[in-house]
Protein backbone atom coordinates (compact mmCIF):
# COMPACT_ATOMS: atom_id res chain seq x y z
CA MET A 1 33.12 27.89 7.69
CA LYS A 2 30.56 27.57 9.95
CA ARG A 3 28.28 28.07 7.30
CA ILE A 4 29.67 25.29 5.28
CA PHE A 5 28.88 23.06 8.26
CA PHE A 6 25.56 23.93 8.60
CA HIS A 7 24.50 23.26 5.60
CA THR A 8 26.25 19.57 5.33
CA VAL A 9 24.65 19.20 8.19
CA LEU A 10 21.40 19.90 6.88
CA PHE A 11 21.68 18.26 3.85
CA LEU A 12 22.89 14.75 5.43
CA THR A 13 19.23 15.19 7.60
CA VAL A 14 17.13 15.84 4.76
CA VAL A 15 19.11 12.45 3.40
CA ALA A 16 18.42 10.28 6.14
CA THR A 17 14.92 11.54 6.90
CA GLN A 18 14.18 9.57 2.99
CA LEU A 19 16.38 7.09 3.17
CA MET A 20 14.57 6.49 6.42
CA SER A 21 11.10 6.79 4.77
CA GLU A 22 12.22 3.79 2.47
CA THR A 23 12.22 0.18 2.23
CA PRO A 24 15.48 -1.09 1.60
CA SER A 25 14.00 -1.78 -2.21
CA GLY A 26 13.45 2.34 -3.07
CA ARG A 27 9.84 1.77 -2.30
CA ALA A 28 7.70 3.22 -0.11
CA ASP A 29 6.35 0.92 3.38
CA ILE A 30 3.55 -0.62 2.01
CA ASN A 31 1.69 0.02 5.36
CA ALA A 32 1.69 3.35 4.55
CA VAL A 33 0.68 2.55 0.17
CA LEU A 34 -2.19 0.63 1.62
CA ALA A 35 -2.89 3.82 4.46
CA THR A 36 -3.13 6.45 1.87
CA HIS A 37 -4.82 4.58 -0.92
CA GLU A 38 -7.81 2.76 1.52
CA LYS A 39 -10.65 4.98 1.14
CA GLU A 40 -10.60 5.39 -2.43
CA LEU A 41 -10.15 1.68 -2.94
CA MET A 42 -13.34 0.86 -0.53
CA ALA A 43 -15.42 3.28 -2.14
CA ILE A 44 -15.29 1.33 -5.38
CA PRO A 45 -18.48 -1.17 -5.44
CA GLY A 46 -18.18 -4.65 -4.42
CA VAL A 47 -14.88 -3.87 -1.93
CA VAL A 48 -15.39 -4.94 1.15
CA GLY A 49 -11.88 -5.05 2.30
CA VAL A 50 -8.18 -4.22 1.93
CA TYR A 51 -5.25 -5.71 3.44
CA VAL A 52 -1.38 -5.82 2.87
CA GLY A 53 -0.72 -9.87 1.74
CA VAL A 54 1.79 -11.76 0.18
CA LEU A 55 2.31 -13.35 -3.29
CA ASP A 56 1.94 -16.33 -4.16
CA ASP A 57 5.65 -16.74 -3.97
CA GLY A 58 4.91 -16.70 -0.34
CA LYS A 59 7.36 -13.44 0.19
CA SER A 60 6.58 -10.07 -2.29
CA PRO A 61 4.65 -8.21 -0.42
CA CYS A 62 0.90 -6.74 -2.36
CA LEU A 63 -2.25 -5.46 -1.91
CA LYS A 64 -5.31 -7.75 -1.37
CA ILE A 65 -8.55 -6.49 -2.42
CA MET A 66 -11.77 -8.29 -0.77
CA LEU A 67 -14.92 -8.28 -3.06
CA ALA A 68 -18.49 -8.87 -2.13
CA ARG A 69 -18.73 -10.02 -5.62
CA ARG A 70 -17.05 -8.66 -9.44
CA THR A 71 -19.35 -5.65 -10.41
CA PRO A 72 -18.19 -4.05 -13.81
CA GLU A 73 -16.72 -0.86 -10.74
CA SER A 74 -14.26 -3.57 -9.83
CA ASN A 75 -12.50 -3.27 -13.23
CA GLN A 76 -11.55 0.01 -11.95
CA ILE A 77 -8.80 -1.59 -9.70
CA PRO A 78 -5.27 -0.91 -10.30
CA ALA A 79 -3.16 -4.13 -11.55
CA GLN A 80 -0.61 -2.35 -9.24
CA ILE A 81 -0.46 0.81 -6.97
CA ASP A 82 2.88 2.52 -5.81
CA GLY A 83 5.22 -0.22 -7.99
CA PHE A 84 3.15 -2.82 -5.60
CA PRO A 85 1.32 -5.72 -7.43
CA VAL A 86 -2.63 -6.20 -6.35
CA ARG A 87 -4.59 -8.92 -6.21
CA VAL A 88 -8.20 -9.61 -6.45
CA GLU A 89 -9.86 -11.92 -4.23
CA VAL A 90 -14.16 -12.91 -4.24
CA THR A 91 -14.90 -13.61 -0.77
CA GLY A 92 -18.32 -12.62 -0.65
CA LYS A 93 -19.89 -10.55 2.01
CA ILE A 94 -17.79 -9.81 5.38
CA ARG A 95 -19.77 -11.03 8.49
CA PRO A 96 -18.98 -10.59 11.78
CA LEU A 97 -18.72 -14.22 13.49
CA GLY A 98 -22.20 -14.93 15.26
CA ARG A 99 -21.45 -15.23 19.78
């Protein structure tokens, strides 16, 4: 009986942990997705920044990729990453503000 109880508690703990690591839609957290893929995206020539944004509907999250300019390598940027849409913005070079 103790063994069944232990296995039941263990199973429920694993399930609860899994549920807590996902958003209500069943997808991973977009901030975690960004953190996982940031280095590989920033390594693409022309990419000057990446951040979490929203689509034009004002509520759906997406990953935003900022480009200094379009390059042939920027075609490597996928349309979606881990189920989240990716949008590309040509922002030009990013420079710190003058004092």
